[in-house]
Amino acid sequence: MDIQLIIVIIIGVAVGFVLLRHIYNFFFSKKDSSYCAGCKGCEPIKRQAPSEK
């Protein structure tokens, strides 16, 4: 086989693996972040709200 074809196949497999991993993480990962982006304006509201587990 030609060396160029081997390199293209290796790059194609690597790109496919990365793409599948990103798709899997997009659909099956936990979303731990809330709607709040962490600004200081939400702190009084967070202290008043009951803690949820």
Protein backbone atom coordinates (compact mmCIF):
# COMPACT_ATOMS: atom_id res chain seq x y z
CA MET A 1 0.00 0.00 0.00
CA ASP A 2 0.98 3.55 -0.50
CA ILE A 3 2.29 5.40 2.56
CA GLN A 4 -0.07 8.31 1.87
CA LEU A 5 -3.10 6.00 2.06
CA ILE A 6 -1.94 4.57 5.38
CA ILE A 7 -1.52 8.06 6.84
CA VAL A 8 -4.97 9.13 5.59
CA ILE A 9 -6.56 6.03 7.16
CA ILE A 10 -4.84 6.67 10.50
CA ILE A 11 -5.95 10.32 10.51
CA GLY A 12 -9.49 9.29 9.53
CA VAL A 13 -9.71 6.79 12.38
CA ALA A 14 -8.39 9.37 14.86
CA VAL A 15 -10.88 12.02 13.69
CA GLY A 16 -13.72 9.50 13.85
CA PHE A 17 -12.76 8.52 17.39
CA VAL A 18 -12.65 12.14 18.57
CA LEU A 19 -15.97 12.89 16.87
CA LEU A 20 -17.70 9.88 18.43
CA ARG A 21 -16.30 10.77 21.85
CA HIS A 22 -17.65 14.33 21.61
CA ILE A 23 -21.06 13.10 20.46
CA TYR A 24 -21.17 10.60 23.33
CA ASN A 25 -20.19 13.26 25.88
CA PHE A 26 -22.79 15.66 24.47
CA PHE A 27 -25.67 13.22 24.94
CA PHE A 28 -24.60 11.14 27.94
CA SER A 29 -22.70 13.48 30.26
CA LYS A 30 -24.09 14.97 33.46
CA LYS A 31 -24.82 18.66 33.49
CA ASP A 32 -23.53 19.72 36.93
CA SER A 33 -23.65 23.42 36.18
CA SER A 34 -26.76 25.37 36.99
CA TYR A 35 -28.18 28.30 35.09
CA CYS A 36 -26.08 30.67 37.17
CA ALA A 37 -22.68 31.55 35.74
CA GLY A 38 -21.15 32.19 39.15
CA CYS A 39 -21.50 35.94 39.39
CA LYS A 40 -21.59 37.63 42.80
CA GLY A 41 -25.17 38.89 42.31
CA CYS A 42 -26.70 35.45 42.91
CA GLU A 43 -25.09 34.77 46.30
CA PRO A 44 -27.89 36.24 48.49
CA ILE A 45 -30.46 34.20 46.56
CA LYS A 46 -28.40 31.01 46.92
CA ARG A 47 -28.11 31.47 50.69
CA GLN A 48 -31.88 31.82 51.11
CA ALA A 49 -32.80 28.84 48.94
CA PRO A 50 -32.99 25.44 50.65
CA SER A 51 -30.22 23.06 49.70
CA GLU A 52 -31.21 20.32 47.27
CA LYS A 53 -29.40 17.02 46.99
